PDB file of N, CA and C in Angstrom:
ATOM      1  N   MET A   1    -107.346  21.468 135.204  1.00  0.00           N
ATOM      2  CA  MET A   1    -106.195  21.696 135.772  1.00  0.00           C
ATOM      3  C   MET A   1    -104.937  21.833 134.704  1.00  0.00           C
ATOM      4  N   SER A   2    -104.472  23.212 134.641  1.00  0.00           N
ATOM      5  CA  SER A   2    -103.212  23.391 133.551  1.00  0.00           C
ATOM      6  C   SER A   2    -102.121  22.199 134.429  1.00  0.00           C
ATOM      7  N   MET A   3    -101.326  22.364 132.824  1.00  0.00           N
ATOM      8  CA  MET A   3     -99.803  21.514 133.354  1.00  0.00           C
ATOM      9  C   MET A   3     -98.647  22.160 134.456  1.00  0.00           C
ATOM     10  N   GLN A   4     -99.334  23.290 134.966  1.00  0.00           N
ATOM     11  CA  GLN A   4     -98.497  24.083 135.577  1.00  0.00           C
ATOM     12  C   GLN A   4     -98.824  24.019 136.854  1.00  0.00           C
ATOM     13  N   ALA A   5    -100.032  24.100 137.225  1.00  0.00           N
ATOM     14  CA  ALA A   5    -100.848  23.852 138.570  1.00  0.00           C
ATOM     15  C   ALA A   5    -100.719  21.871 138.631  1.00  0.00           C
ATOM     16  N   HIS A   6    -100.566  20.957 138.019  1.00  0.00           N
ATOM     17  CA  HIS A   6    -100.719  19.719 137.807  1.00  0.00           C
ATOM     18  C   HIS A   6     -99.231  19.769 138.377  1.00  0.00           C
ATOM     19  N   VAL A   7     -97.813  20.025 137.662  1.00  0.00           N
ATOM     20  CA  VAL A   7     -96.408  19.766 138.268  1.00  0.00           C
ATOM     21  C   VAL A   7     -96.205  20.780 139.514  1.00  0.00           C
ATOM     22  N   ALA A   8     -96.959  22.087 140.311  1.00  0.00           N
ATOM     23  CA  ALA A   8     -97.130  22.335 141.121  1.00  0.00           C
ATOM     24  C   ALA A   8     -97.408  21.260 142.097  1.00  0.00           C
ATOM     25  N   GLU A   9     -98.802  20.548 141.980  1.00  0.00           N
ATOM     26  CA  GLU A   9     -99.153  20.017 143.115  1.00  0.00           C
ATOM     27  C   GLU A   9     -98.401  18.687 143.333  1.00  0.00           C
ATOM     28  N   LEU A  10     -98.085  17.525 142.273  1.00  0.00           N
ATOM     29  CA  LEU A  10     -96.921  17.168 142.026  1.00  0.00           C
ATOM     30  C   LEU A  10     -95.653  17.272 142.766  1.00  0.00           C
ATOM     31  N   GLU A  11     -94.958  18.529 142.943  1.00  0.00           N
ATOM     32  CA  GLU A  11     -93.953  18.818 143.675  1.00  0.00           C
ATOM     33  C   GLU A  11     -94.015  18.907 144.879  1.00  0.00           C
ATOM     34  N   ARG A  12     -95.620  19.386 145.697  1.00  0.00           N
ATOM     35  CA  ARG A  12     -96.341  19.681 146.746  1.00  0.00           C
ATOM     36  C   ARG A  12     -96.163  18.594 147.354  1.00  0.00           C
ATOM     37  N   ARG A  13     -96.715  17.282 146.714  1.00  0.00           N
ATOM     38  CA  ARG A  13     -96.448  15.729 147.056  1.00  0.00           C
ATOM     39  C   ARG A  13     -95.278  14.976 147.145  1.00  0.00           C
ATOM     40  N   HIS A  14     -94.451  15.404 146.571  1.00  0.00           N
ATOM     41  CA  HIS A  14     -93.430  15.060 146.202  1.00  0.00           C
ATOM     42  C   HIS A  14     -92.384  15.218 147.838  1.00  0.00           C
ATOM     43  N   GLN A  15     -92.144  16.675 148.232  1.00  0.00           N
ATOM     44  CA  GLN A  15     -91.842  17.328 148.869  1.00  0.00           C
ATOM     45  C   GLN A  15     -92.445  17.207 150.756  1.00  0.00           C
ATOM     46  N   ALA A  16     -93.980  16.433 150.268  1.00  0.00           N
ATOM     47  CA  ALA A  16     -94.573  15.908 151.255  1.00  0.00           C
ATOM     48  C   ALA A  16     -93.916  14.241 151.895  1.00  0.00           C
ATOM     49  N   LEU A  17     -93.965  13.722 150.714  1.00  0.00           N
ATOM     50  CA  LEU A  17     -93.241  12.739 150.555  1.00  0.00           C
ATOM     51  C   LEU A  17     -91.646  12.801 151.789  1.00  0.00           C
ATOM     52  N   ASP A  18     -91.369  13.520 151.286  1.00  0.00           N
ATOM     53  CA  ASP A  18     -89.833  14.148 151.426  1.00  0.00           C
ATOM     54  C   ASP A  18     -89.256  14.017 152.964  1.00  0.00           C
ATOM     55  N   LYS A  19     -91.152  14.775 153.457  1.00  0.00           N
ATOM     56  CA  LYS A  19     -90.666  15.164 154.548  1.00  0.00           C
ATOM     57  C   LYS A  19     -90.748  13.599 155.556  1.00  0.00           C
ATOM     58  N   GLU A  20     -91.853  12.922 155.064  1.00  0.00           N
ATOM     59  CA  GLU A  20     -92.296  11.607 155.216  1.00  0.00           C
ATOM     60  C   GLU A  20     -91.391  10.823 155.640  1.00  0.00           C
ATOM     61  N   LEU A  21     -90.362  10.654 154.351  1.00  0.00           N
ATOM     62  CA  LEU A  21     -88.921  10.050 154.078  1.00  0.00           C
ATOM     63  C   LEU A  21     -88.318  10.262 155.557  1.00  0.00           C
ATOM     64  N   LYS A  22     -88.113  11.467 155.849  1.00  0.00           N
ATOM     65  CA  LYS A  22     -87.122  11.746 156.698  1.00  0.00           C
ATOM     66  C   LYS A  22     -87.251  11.694 158.248  1.00  0.00           C
ATOM     67  N   GLU A  23     -88.908  11.979 158.917  1.00  0.00           N
ATOM     68  CA  GLU A  23     -89.732  11.548 159.626  1.00  0.00           C
ATOM     69  C   GLU A  23     -89.750   9.748 159.794  1.00  0.00           C
ATOM     70  N   ALA A  24     -89.563   8.726 158.911  1.00  0.00           N
ATOM     71  CA  ALA A  24     -89.133   7.594 159.033  1.00  0.00           C
ATOM     72  C   ALA A  24     -88.471   6.964 159.739  1.00  0.00           C
ATOM     73  N   LEU A  25     -86.800   7.466 159.034  1.00  0.00           N
ATOM     74  CA  LEU A  25     -85.841   6.996 159.018  1.00  0.00           C
ATOM     75  C   LEU A  25     -85.101   8.000 160.400  1.00  0.00           C
ATOM     76  N   SER A  26     -85.851   8.576 160.770  1.00  0.00           N
ATOM     77  CA  SER A  26     -85.127   9.109 162.610  1.00  0.00           C
ATOM     78  C   SER A  26     -85.847   8.163 163.497  1.00  0.00           C
ATOM     79  N   HIS A  27     -86.707   7.351 163.309  1.00  0.00           N
ATOM     80  CA  HIS A  27     -86.832   6.511 164.003  1.00  0.00           C
ATOM     81  C   HIS A  27     -86.527   4.963 163.476  1.00  0.00           C
ATOM     82  N   PRO A  28     -85.533   4.239 164.702  1.00  0.00           N
ATOM     83  CA  PRO A  28     -84.673   3.127 164.242  1.00  0.00           C
ATOM     84  C   PRO A  28     -85.911   2.200 164.105  1.00  0.00           C
ATOM     85  N   GLY A  29     -86.894   1.616 164.709  1.00  0.00           N
ATOM     86  CA  GLY A  29     -87.521   0.611 164.256  1.00  0.00           C
ATOM     87  C   GLY A  29     -88.831   1.095 163.000  1.00  0.00           C
ATOM     88  N   THR A  30     -88.348   1.706 162.140  1.00  0.00           N
ATOM     89  CA  THR A  30     -89.232   1.733 160.933  1.00  0.00           C
ATOM     90  C   THR A  30     -89.092   0.638 159.602  1.00  0.00           C
ATOM     91  N   ASP A  31     -89.961   0.105 159.532  1.00  0.00           N
ATOM     92  CA  ASP A  31     -90.026  -1.141 158.382  1.00  0.00           C
ATOM     93  C   ASP A  31     -89.093  -0.165 157.664  1.00  0.00           C
ATOM     94  N   GLU A  32     -88.764  -1.345 157.149  1.00  0.00           N
ATOM     95  CA  GLU A  32     -87.875  -1.288 155.769  1.00  0.00           C
ATOM     96  C   GLU A  32     -89.008  -0.681 154.849  1.00  0.00           C
ATOM     97  N   ASN A  33     -89.726  -2.138 154.555  1.00  0.00           N
ATOM     98  CA  ASN A  33     -90.722  -2.034 153.236  1.00  0.00           C
ATOM     99  C   ASN A  33     -91.376  -0.803 153.309  1.00  0.00           C
ATOM    100  N   ARG A  34     -91.946  -0.225 154.268  1.00  0.00           N
ATOM    101  CA  ARG A  34     -92.566   1.028 153.962  1.00  0.00           C
ATOM    102  C   ARG A  34     -91.381   2.343 153.509  1.00  0.00           C
ATOM    103  N   ILE A  35     -90.032   2.581 154.087  1.00  0.00           N
ATOM    104  CA  ILE A  35     -89.691   3.138 153.573  1.00  0.00           C
ATOM    105  C   ILE A  35     -89.191   3.430 152.358  1.00  0.00           C
ATOM    106  N   ALA A  36     -89.212   1.850 151.708  1.00  0.00           N
ATOM    107  CA  ALA A  36     -88.929   1.685 150.408  1.00  0.00           C
ATOM    108  C   ALA A  36     -90.255   2.247 149.680  1.00  0.00           C
ATOM    109  N   ASP A  37     -91.249   1.782 150.192  1.00  0.00           N
ATOM    110  CA  ASP A  37     -92.348   2.284 149.763  1.00  0.00           C
ATOM    111  C   ASP A  37     -92.591   3.841 149.542  1.00  0.00           C
ATOM    112  N   ILE A  38     -92.177   4.411 150.350  1.00  0.00           N
ATOM    113  CA  ILE A  38     -92.331   5.961 150.058  1.00  0.00           C
ATOM    114  C   ILE A  38     -91.199   6.828 149.686  1.00  0.00           C
ATOM    115  N   LYS A  39     -89.808   5.866 149.326  1.00  0.00           N
ATOM    116  CA  LYS A  39     -89.162   6.098 148.120  1.00  0.00           C
ATOM    117  C   LYS A  39     -89.725   6.085 147.041  1.00  0.00           C
ATOM    118  N   ARG A  40     -90.378   4.750 146.654  1.00  0.00           N
ATOM    119  CA  ARG A  40     -90.596   4.411 145.085  1.00  0.00           C
ATOM    120  C   ARG A  40     -92.135   5.178 145.112  1.00  0.00           C
ATOM    121  N   ARG A  41     -92.778   5.784 145.613  1.00  0.00           N
ATOM    122  CA  ARG A  41     -93.525   6.865 145.464  1.00  0.00           C
ATOM    123  C   ARG A  41     -92.920   8.177 145.269  1.00  0.00           C
ATOM    124  N   LYS A  42     -91.856   8.430 145.611  1.00  0.00           N
ATOM    125  CA  LYS A  42     -91.230   9.974 145.368  1.00  0.00           C
ATOM    126  C   LYS A  42     -90.408   9.368 144.257  1.00  0.00           C
ATOM    127  N   LEU A  43     -90.008   8.525 143.848  1.00  0.00           N
ATOM    128  CA  LEU A  43     -89.709   8.277 142.418  1.00  0.00           C
ATOM    129  C   LEU A  43     -90.239   8.271 141.462  1.00  0.00           C
ATOM    130  N   HIS A  44     -91.661   7.778 141.535  1.00  0.00           N
ATOM    131  CA  HIS A  44     -93.090   7.615 140.856  1.00  0.00           C
ATOM    132  C   HIS A  44     -93.228   9.382 140.256  1.00  0.00           C
ATOM    133  N   ILE A  45     -93.203   9.854 141.338  1.00  0.00           N
ATOM    134  CA  ILE A  45     -93.434  11.672 141.261  1.00  0.00           C
ATOM    135  C   ILE A  45     -92.711  12.753 140.541  1.00  0.00           C
ATOM    136  N   LYS A  46     -91.224  12.057 141.158  1.00  0.00           N
ATOM    137  CA  LYS A  46     -90.456  13.052 140.123  1.00  0.00           C
ATOM    138  C   LYS A  46     -89.988  11.998 138.913  1.00  0.00           C
ATOM    139  N   ASP A  47     -90.143  11.411 138.207  1.00  0.00           N
ATOM    140  CA  ASP A  47     -90.436  11.114 136.894  1.00  0.00           C
ATOM    141  C   ASP A  47     -90.975  11.049 135.994  1.00  0.00           C
ATOM    142  N   GLU A  48     -93.137  11.350 136.965  1.00  0.00           N
ATOM    143  CA  GLU A  48     -94.447  12.381 136.247  1.00  0.00           C
ATOM    144  C   GLU A  48     -93.775  13.949 135.548  1.00  0.00           C
ATOM    145  N   ILE A  49     -93.170  14.317 137.097  1.00  0.00           N
ATOM    146  CA  ILE A  49     -92.906  15.646 136.923  1.00  0.00           C
ATOM    147  C   ILE A  49     -91.741  15.975 135.762  1.00  0.00           C
ATOM    148  N   THR A  50     -90.733  15.126 135.315  1.00  0.00           N
ATOM    149  CA  THR A  50     -89.805  15.126 134.704  1.00  0.00           C
ATOM    150  C   THR A  50     -90.592  14.787 133.004  1.00  0.00           C
ATOM    151  N   ARG A  51     -91.533  13.999 132.966  1.00  0.00           N
ATOM    152  CA  ARG A  51     -92.188  14.160 132.045  1.00  0.00           C
ATOM    153  C   ARG A  51     -92.479  14.920 131.731  1.00  0.00           C
ATOM    154  N   LEU A  52     -93.342  15.594 132.367  1.00  0.00           N
ATOM    155  CA  LEU A  52     -94.130  16.583 132.241  1.00  0.00           C
ATOM    156  C   LEU A  52     -93.719  17.427 131.618  1.00  0.00           C
ATOM    157  N   ARG A  53     -92.737  17.616 132.133  1.00  0.00           N
ATOM    158  CA  ARG A  53     -91.738  19.502 131.801  1.00  0.00           C
ATOM    159  C   ARG A  53     -91.116  18.998 130.804  1.00  0.00           C
ATOM    160  N   SER A  54     -90.642  17.574 130.921  1.00  0.00           N
ATOM    161  CA  SER A  54     -90.263  17.824 128.750  1.00  0.00           C
ATOM    162  C   SER A  54     -90.726  17.309 127.797  1.00  0.00           C
ATOM    163  N   ALA A  55     -92.429  17.116 128.233  1.00  0.00           N
ATOM    164  CA  ALA A  55     -93.351  16.814 127.269  1.00  0.00           C
ATOM    165  C   ALA A  55     -93.508  18.706 126.254  1.00  0.00           C
ATOM    166  N   PRO A  56     -93.848  17.747 124.751  1.00  0.00           N
ATOM    167  CA  PRO A  56     -93.913  19.050 123.920  1.00  0.00           C
ATOM    168  C   PRO A  56     -95.377  19.844 125.184  1.00  0.00           C
ATOM    169  N   SER A  57     -95.194  21.429 124.096  1.00  0.00           N
ATOM    170  CA  SER A  57     -96.585  22.145 125.102  1.00  0.00           C
ATOM    171  C   SER A  57     -97.783  21.846 124.388  1.00  0.00           C
ATOM    172  N   SER A  58     -97.685  21.575 123.318  1.00  0.00           N
ATOM    173  CA  SER A  58     -98.477  21.420 122.494  1.00  0.00           C
ATOM    174  C   SER A  58     -99.805  20.383 122.856  1.00  0.00           C
ATOM    175  N   VAL A  59     -98.832  19.103 123.875  1.00  0.00           N
ATOM    176  CA  VAL A  59     -99.866  18.427 124.162  1.00  0.00           C
ATOM    177  C   VAL A  59    -100.562  18.643 125.578  1.00  0.00           C
ATOM    178  N   PHE A  60    -100.987  19.968 125.742  1.00  0.00           N
ATOM    179  CA  PHE A  60    -101.771  19.939 126.516  1.00  0.00           C
ATOM    180  C   PHE A  60    -102.418  21.104 126.243  1.00  0.00           C
ATOM    181  N   HIS A  61    -102.420  21.081 125.599  1.00  0.00           N
ATOM    182  CA  HIS A  61    -103.640  22.318 124.885  1.00  0.00           C
ATOM    183  C   HIS A  61    -104.904  21.486 123.984  1.00  0.00           C
TER     184      HIS A  61
END
């Protein structure tokens, strides 16, 4: 998988988690641990995207 494809997949996963978070927040009875877990996963993916985008391109050849 190319770096661009990997970043695109991570972006899709981040968007899916964003949608899941919005859905969870729209229900008042949602478990706070679930919300924290979704936020943690989103942040992890965002950090990975940032790391990949800032890495020298020679690392991926």
